[in-house]
N, C-alpha and C. Protein backbone atom coordinates (compact mmCIF):
# COMPACT_ATOMS: atom_id res chain seq x y z
N MET A 1 9.15 -25.93 -16.30
CA MET A 1 8.01 -26.94 -17.05
C MET A 1 7.87 -28.07 -16.01
N CYS A 2 6.32 -28.31 -15.68
CA CYS A 2 6.24 -29.73 -14.92
C CYS A 2 6.95 -31.09 -15.40
N PRO A 3 6.95 -31.98 -14.73
CA PRO A 3 7.74 -33.45 -15.26
C PRO A 3 6.82 -34.07 -16.70
N HIS A 4 5.45 -33.47 -16.29
CA HIS A 4 4.59 -34.02 -17.44
C HIS A 4 4.50 -33.35 -18.67
N ARG A 5 6.22 -32.40 -18.96
CA ARG A 5 5.73 -31.56 -19.77
C ARG A 5 4.63 -30.43 -20.36
N LYS A 6 3.91 -30.19 -19.08
CA LYS A 6 3.05 -29.21 -19.22
C LYS A 6 3.60 -28.16 -18.39
N LEU A 7 3.38 -26.60 -19.28
CA LEU A 7 3.80 -25.72 -18.56
C LEU A 7 2.47 -25.18 -16.66
N HIS A 8 3.24 -24.69 -15.86
CA HIS A 8 2.37 -24.23 -15.26
C HIS A 8 2.69 -23.16 -14.76
N PHE A 9 1.86 -22.21 -14.74
CA PHE A 9 2.06 -20.54 -14.98
C PHE A 9 2.07 -20.79 -13.21
N VAL A 10 2.79 -20.14 -12.83
CA VAL A 10 3.16 -19.48 -11.16
C VAL A 10 2.47 -17.89 -10.55
N GLY A 11 2.67 -17.49 -11.71
CA GLY A 11 2.55 -15.93 -11.36
C GLY A 11 3.24 -14.57 -12.07
N ARG A 12 3.02 -13.47 -11.57
CA ARG A 12 3.85 -12.42 -12.45
C ARG A 12 4.98 -12.47 -11.65
N VAL A 13 5.98 -12.11 -12.54
CA VAL A 13 7.24 -11.68 -12.01
C VAL A 13 7.61 -10.73 -11.14
N ASP A 14 6.93 -9.14 -12.04
CA ASP A 14 6.48 -7.87 -11.47
C ASP A 14 5.43 -7.87 -10.37
N SER A 15 5.47 -6.55 -9.95
CA SER A 15 4.33 -6.30 -8.81
C SER A 15 2.92 -6.06 -9.24
N GLN A 16 3.05 -6.10 -10.24
CA GLN A 16 1.51 -5.20 -11.17
C GLN A 16 0.47 -5.76 -11.21
N PHE A 17 -0.97 -5.62 -10.77
CA PHE A 17 -1.95 -6.03 -10.91
C PHE A 17 -3.02 -5.05 -11.22
N LYS A 18 -4.46 -5.87 -11.57
CA LYS A 18 -5.82 -5.46 -11.71
C LYS A 18 -6.50 -4.56 -10.86
N LEU A 19 -7.20 -3.94 -10.81
CA LEU A 19 -7.81 -3.64 -10.48
C LEU A 19 -8.81 -2.55 -10.60
N ARG A 20 -10.11 -3.59 -10.62
CA ARG A 20 -11.32 -2.83 -11.46
C ARG A 20 -10.68 -2.44 -13.05
N GLY A 21 -10.18 -3.38 -13.53
CA GLY A 21 -10.30 -3.41 -15.01
C GLY A 21 -9.48 -2.38 -15.55
N LYS A 22 -8.19 -1.75 -14.30
CA LYS A 22 -7.13 -1.02 -14.71
C LYS A 22 -5.72 -1.20 -14.30
N LYS A 23 -4.55 -1.43 -14.82
CA LYS A 23 -3.70 -2.26 -14.36
C LYS A 23 -2.77 -1.08 -13.35
N VAL A 24 -2.62 -1.36 -12.30
CA VAL A 24 -1.80 -0.74 -10.99
C VAL A 24 -0.34 -1.39 -10.80
N ASN A 25 0.28 -0.12 -10.86
CA ASN A 25 1.49 -0.45 -11.05
C ASN A 25 2.15 0.06 -9.36
N PRO A 26 2.33 -0.62 -8.72
CA PRO A 26 2.43 -0.14 -7.13
C PRO A 26 3.86 0.51 -6.94
N ASP A 27 4.90 -0.01 -7.57
CA ASP A 27 6.22 0.92 -7.75
C ASP A 27 6.11 2.06 -8.30
N HIS A 28 5.44 2.58 -8.87
CA HIS A 28 5.30 4.24 -9.26
C HIS A 28 4.56 4.70 -8.10
N ILE A 29 3.39 4.27 -7.89
CA ILE A 29 2.65 4.73 -6.96
C ILE A 29 3.51 5.28 -5.12
N GLU A 30 4.45 4.30 -5.00
CA GLU A 30 5.41 4.03 -4.04
C GLU A 30 6.58 5.05 -4.40
N GLU A 31 7.09 5.10 -5.62
CA GLU A 31 7.98 6.63 -5.95
C GLU A 31 7.28 7.88 -5.91
N VAL A 32 5.93 8.16 -6.39
CA VAL A 32 5.43 9.22 -5.86
C VAL A 32 5.18 9.76 -4.60
N LEU A 33 5.06 8.75 -3.53
CA LEU A 33 4.43 9.19 -2.12
C LEU A 33 5.76 9.65 -1.92
N VAL A 34 6.91 8.72 -1.79
CA VAL A 34 7.91 8.69 -1.13
C VAL A 34 8.65 10.20 -1.67
N SER A 35 8.58 10.75 -2.98
CA SER A 35 8.77 11.98 -3.69
C SER A 35 8.36 13.06 -2.74
N ASN A 36 7.18 13.10 -2.06
CA ASN A 36 6.62 13.76 -0.71
C ASN A 36 7.86 14.01 0.18
N ASP A 37 7.73 15.50 0.89
CA ASP A 37 8.88 15.67 1.66
C ASP A 37 8.29 15.34 2.97
N ASN A 38 7.06 14.85 3.55
CA ASN A 38 6.66 14.31 4.74
C ASN A 38 6.77 12.90 5.00
N VAL A 39 7.17 12.11 3.64
CA VAL A 39 7.27 10.81 3.77
C VAL A 39 8.73 9.78 3.49
N LEU A 40 8.84 9.31 4.88
CA LEU A 40 10.27 8.16 4.62
C LEU A 40 9.80 7.10 4.05
N GLN A 41 9.24 6.11 3.72
CA GLN A 41 8.60 4.93 3.14
C GLN A 41 7.10 5.07 2.89
N ALA A 42 6.80 4.34 1.71
CA ALA A 42 5.91 4.33 1.32
C ALA A 42 5.66 2.73 0.76
N ALA A 43 4.65 1.66 0.70
CA ALA A 43 4.72 0.56 0.17
C ALA A 43 2.80 0.53 -0.13
N VAL A 44 2.62 0.03 -1.26
CA VAL A 44 1.56 0.04 -1.82
C VAL A 44 0.87 -1.83 -1.70
N ILE A 45 -0.19 -2.16 -1.08
CA ILE A 45 -0.14 -3.73 -1.12
C ILE A 45 -1.66 -4.13 -1.53
N CYS A 46 -1.89 -5.46 -1.94
CA CYS A 46 -3.46 -5.62 -2.66
C CYS A 46 -4.25 -6.20 -1.47
N LEU A 47 -4.98 -5.60 -1.03
CA LEU A 47 -5.79 -6.01 0.20
C LEU A 47 -7.30 -6.74 -0.67
N LYS A 48 -7.18 -8.53 -0.26
CA LYS A 48 -7.88 -8.59 -0.74
C LYS A 48 -9.48 -9.06 0.35
N GLN A 49 -10.44 -8.76 -0.05
CA GLN A 49 -11.51 -8.39 1.46
C GLN A 49 -12.43 -9.27 1.02
N ASN A 50 -13.11 -10.29 1.77
CA ASN A 50 -14.95 -11.20 1.38
C ASN A 50 -15.72 -11.07 2.04
N VAL A 51 -15.50 -9.50 2.64
CA VAL A 51 -17.07 -9.31 3.62
C VAL A 51 -17.29 -8.12 2.77
N PRO A 52 -18.45 -7.57 2.42
CA PRO A 52 -19.64 -8.44 2.26
C PRO A 52 -19.73 -9.57 0.87
N ALA A 53 -18.94 -8.73 -0.14
CA ALA A 53 -18.32 -9.37 -1.22
C ALA A 53 -17.43 -9.77 -1.72
N PRO A 54 -16.66 -10.53 -2.11
CA PRO A 54 -14.99 -10.82 -2.53
C PRO A 54 -14.54 -9.34 -3.24
N SER A 55 -13.71 -8.63 -3.08
CA SER A 55 -13.51 -7.20 -3.65
C SER A 55 -11.89 -7.45 -3.08
N ILE A 56 -10.98 -6.50 -4.43
CA ILE A 56 -9.61 -6.07 -3.76
C ILE A 56 -9.67 -4.80 -3.21
N GLN A 57 -8.68 -4.35 -2.58
CA GLN A 57 -8.57 -2.78 -2.24
C GLN A 57 -7.36 -2.37 -2.42
N LEU A 58 -7.20 -1.28 -2.65
CA LEU A 58 -5.53 -0.79 -2.93
C LEU A 58 -5.54 -0.11 -1.40
N GLY A 59 -4.11 -0.88 -0.78
CA GLY A 59 -3.99 -0.22 0.21
C GLY A 59 -2.55 0.08 0.59
N VAL A 60 -2.02 0.90 1.25
CA VAL A 60 -0.91 2.12 1.27
C VAL A 60 -0.55 1.89 3.20
N CYS A 61 0.93 1.73 2.86
CA CYS A 61 1.27 1.43 4.46
C CYS A 61 2.20 3.09 4.02
N VAL A 62 2.26 3.97 4.87
CA VAL A 62 3.42 4.93 5.35
C VAL A 62 4.06 5.55 6.16
N SER A 63 5.16 5.84 5.77
CA SER A 63 6.17 6.07 7.28
C SER A 63 6.62 7.26 7.34
N LEU A 64 6.03 8.18 7.94
CA LEU A 64 6.08 9.44 8.15
C LEU A 64 7.47 10.33 9.18
N ARG A 65 7.89 11.25 8.38
CA ARG A 65 8.54 12.33 9.15
C ARG A 65 8.25 12.49 10.68
N LYS A 66 8.85 12.01 11.90
CA LYS A 66 8.62 12.99 13.19
C LYS A 66 7.78 14.29 13.03
N ASP A 67 8.10 14.88 12.67
CA ASP A 67 7.55 16.21 12.52
C ASP A 67 6.18 16.71 11.69
N THR A 68 5.95 15.37 11.30
CA THR A 68 4.85 15.65 10.57
C THR A 68 3.57 15.32 11.57
N GLN A 69 2.13 16.42 10.85
CA GLN A 69 0.96 16.39 11.44
C GLN A 69 0.10 15.51 10.94
N LEU A 70 -0.31 14.43 11.76
CA LEU A 70 -1.15 13.74 11.30
C LEU A 70 -2.29 13.75 10.41
N MET A 71 -3.04 15.03 11.51
CA MET A 71 -4.33 15.46 11.14
C MET A 71 -4.42 15.83 9.25
N GLY A 72 -5.13 15.14 8.40
CA GLY A 72 -5.58 15.50 7.34
C GLY A 72 -4.36 14.92 6.08
N MET A 73 -2.87 14.43 6.43
CA MET A 73 -2.33 13.76 6.07
C MET A 73 -2.88 12.85 4.87
N ARG A 74 -3.71 12.21 4.85
CA ARG A 74 -4.01 11.06 4.32
C ARG A 74 -4.90 11.72 2.86
N HIS A 75 -5.96 12.92 3.35
CA HIS A 75 -5.91 13.59 2.14
C HIS A 75 -5.28 14.29 1.27
N ASN A 76 -3.98 15.04 1.99
CA ASN A 76 -3.28 15.80 1.26
C ASN A 76 -2.03 14.92 0.59
N LEU A 77 -2.55 13.49 0.80
CA LEU A 77 -1.57 12.53 -0.41
C LEU A 77 -2.19 12.04 -1.09
N CYS A 78 -3.31 11.56 -0.59
CA CYS A 78 -4.24 11.25 -2.08
C CYS A 78 -4.38 12.41 -3.30
N ASN A 79 -4.29 13.70 -2.57
CA ASN A 79 -4.25 14.89 -3.59
C ASN A 79 -2.72 14.92 -4.39
N TRP A 80 -1.87 14.53 -3.26
CA TRP A 80 -0.49 14.26 -4.51
C TRP A 80 -0.46 13.40 -5.12
N CYS A 81 -0.90 12.51 -4.72
CA CYS A 81 -1.20 11.49 -6.12
C CYS A 81 -1.37 11.69 -7.44
N ALA A 82 -3.08 12.63 -6.98
CA ALA A 82 -3.26 12.78 -7.91
C ALA A 82 -2.80 13.97 -9.14
N GLU A 83 -2.06 14.91 -8.11
CA GLU A 83 -1.15 16.04 -8.87
C GLU A 83 0.07 14.90 -9.87
N HIS A 84 0.16 13.81 -9.15
CA HIS A 84 1.59 13.37 -9.86
C HIS A 84 0.65 12.52 -11.09
N GLY A 85 -0.17 12.44 -11.72
CA GLY A 85 -0.88 11.20 -12.67
C GLY A 85 -1.05 10.08 -12.37
N ILE A 86 -1.26 9.97 -10.84
CA ILE A 86 -1.63 8.68 -10.36
C ILE A 86 -3.21 8.25 -10.64
N ALA A 87 -3.62 7.04 -11.48
CA ALA A 87 -4.85 7.60 -12.09
C ALA A 87 -5.87 6.59 -10.68
N THR A 88 -5.18 5.50 -9.72
CA THR A 88 -5.97 4.67 -9.08
C THR A 88 -5.07 5.05 -7.33
N ILE A 89 -6.13 5.61 -7.27
CA ILE A 89 -5.70 6.37 -5.62
C ILE A 89 -5.86 5.10 -5.02
N PRO A 90 -5.18 4.72 -4.12
CA PRO A 90 -5.38 3.87 -3.10
C PRO A 90 -6.60 4.44 -1.86
N THR A 91 -7.42 3.06 -1.48
CA THR A 91 -8.47 3.44 -0.21
C THR A 91 -8.36 3.15 0.66
N ALA A 92 -7.52 2.79 1.12
CA ALA A 92 -6.96 2.12 2.38
C ALA A 92 -5.58 2.76 2.90
N TRP A 93 -5.46 3.33 4.15
CA TRP A 93 -4.11 3.85 4.03
C TRP A 93 -3.81 3.57 5.87
N LYS A 94 -2.62 3.33 6.05
CA LYS A 94 -2.29 3.03 7.65
C LYS A 94 -0.60 4.25 7.43
N LEU A 95 -1.24 5.21 8.25
CA LEU A 95 0.04 6.41 8.45
C LEU A 95 0.77 5.99 9.93
N GLY A 96 1.90 6.26 9.97
CA GLY A 96 2.25 6.14 11.32
C GLY A 96 4.12 6.78 11.20
N PHE A 97 4.52 6.51 12.13
CA PHE A 97 5.84 7.39 12.44
C PHE A 97 6.70 6.19 12.27
N GLU A 98 6.48 4.68 12.45
CA GLU A 98 7.16 3.92 12.93
C GLU A 98 7.94 3.49 11.45
N SER A 99 8.76 3.03 11.37
CA SER A 99 9.57 2.09 9.95
C SER A 99 8.84 1.01 9.96
N LEU A 100 8.31 0.93 8.18
CA LEU A 100 7.82 -0.21 8.05
C LEU A 100 8.60 -1.26 8.27
N PRO A 101 7.73 -2.65 8.16
CA PRO A 101 8.44 -4.00 8.81
C PRO A 101 9.07 -4.68 7.27
N THR A 102 10.26 -5.02 7.34
CA THR A 102 11.35 -5.88 6.71
C THR A 102 11.63 -7.17 6.65
N THR A 103 11.81 -7.96 6.18
CA THR A 103 12.65 -9.08 6.06
C THR A 103 13.85 -9.56 6.60
N ARG A 104 14.34 -10.21 6.73
CA ARG A 104 15.93 -10.37 7.43
C ARG A 104 16.21 -10.17 6.27
N SER A 105 16.10 -9.97 4.88
CA SER A 105 16.90 -9.28 4.05
C SER A 105 16.92 -8.51 3.49
N GLY A 106 16.16 -7.43 4.51
CA GLY A 106 15.76 -6.08 4.23
C GLY A 106 14.51 -5.65 3.28
N LYS A 107 13.97 -6.51 2.63
CA LYS A 107 13.16 -6.05 1.72
C LYS A 107 11.63 -5.84 2.58
N LEU A 108 10.68 -5.38 1.87
CA LEU A 108 9.82 -4.57 2.83
C LEU A 108 8.70 -5.76 3.01
N ASP A 109 8.14 -5.95 3.84
CA ASP A 109 7.55 -7.24 4.36
C ASP A 109 5.71 -7.14 3.99
N ARG A 110 5.72 -7.21 3.03
CA ARG A 110 4.84 -7.15 2.31
C ARG A 110 3.44 -8.06 3.40
N GLU A 111 3.49 -9.32 3.61
CA GLU A 111 2.60 -9.93 4.27
C GLU A 111 2.58 -9.48 5.00
N LYS A 112 3.79 -8.94 6.30
CA LYS A 112 3.53 -8.49 7.68
C LYS A 112 2.71 -7.16 7.77
N MET A 113 2.71 -6.09 6.36
CA MET A 113 1.92 -5.11 6.54
C MET A 113 0.37 -5.51 6.24
N ILE A 114 0.38 -6.47 5.56
CA ILE A 114 -1.59 -6.90 5.25
C ILE A 114 -1.92 -7.12 6.48
N GLU A 115 -1.08 -8.24 7.69
CA GLU A 115 -1.41 -8.39 8.86
C GLU A 115 -1.68 -6.99 9.65
N THR A 116 -0.81 -6.61 9.22
CA THR A 116 -0.98 -4.76 10.28
C THR A 116 -2.21 -4.05 10.03
N PHE A 117 -2.90 -4.23 8.37
CA PHE A 117 -4.47 -3.53 7.78
C PHE A 117 -5.15 -4.45 8.39
N CYS A 118 -5.30 -5.61 9.26
CA CYS A 118 -6.45 -6.19 9.90
C CYS A 118 -6.30 -6.04 11.17
N GLU A 119 -5.45 -6.07 12.18
CA GLU A 119 -5.11 -5.62 13.12
C GLU A 119 -5.17 -4.24 14.12
N ARG A 120 -4.64 -3.55 13.04
CA ARG A 120 -4.38 -1.95 13.91
C ARG A 120 -5.28 -1.12 13.15
N PRO A 121 -6.00 -0.14 13.87
CA PRO A 121 -6.70 0.87 13.35
C PRO A 121 -5.88 1.54 12.73
N ASN A 122 -6.62 3.00 12.04
CA ASN A 122 -5.33 4.16 11.40
C ASN A 122 -5.52 5.20 12.34
N LEU A 123 -3.97 5.24 12.25
CA LEU A 123 -3.42 6.26 13.47
C LEU A 123 -4.31 7.38 13.15
N GLU A 124 -4.41 7.86 12.09
CA GLU A 124 -5.14 9.19 12.09
C GLU A 124 -6.56 9.16 12.79
N ASP A 125 -7.50 7.79 12.39
CA ASP A 125 -8.46 7.60 12.95
C ASP A 125 -8.21 7.60 14.61
N LYS A 126 -7.78 7.09 15.09
CA LYS A 126 -7.60 6.91 16.39
C LYS A 126 -7.48 8.28 17.40
N ILE A 127 -6.38 9.49 16.62
CA ILE A 127 -6.69 10.63 16.83
C ILE A 127 -7.85 11.26 16.90
N ARG A 128 -8.69 11.08 15.79
CA ARG A 128 -10.34 11.60 16.14
C ARG A 128 -11.29 10.87 16.56
N GLY A 129 -10.66 9.99 17.26
CA GLY A 129 -11.61 9.28 17.91
C GLY A 129 -12.48 8.49 17.56
N TYR A 130 -12.17 7.82 16.45
CA TYR A 130 -13.04 7.00 16.01
C TYR A 130 -13.04 5.24 16.18
């Protein structure tokens, strides 16, 4: 409660958000992705874009096992999500072999991941020569 006896809404305690009218639970998508044998870590983030119009995109950062073939992995993981009942399939993917960034306390650093989405091309696209 604020000093003027008014409630101040700060935000949600959980990580759920709405995307195109559907409730998205990032934790559930992360659990499904990590259940894939090729995935070591996964993090779902909400990407807000203003070009050409304001929109929200569901992004995923995935850390893969070293012996995983990158080619076609995004397609395979989309299918994996669909097979496990994920209704909202992420549209932006960052696949790589490095560990996902963490804060000093060891939690996933989602702000750093959002920066990574903006500054680095997808490794799978780099392999294809995009």
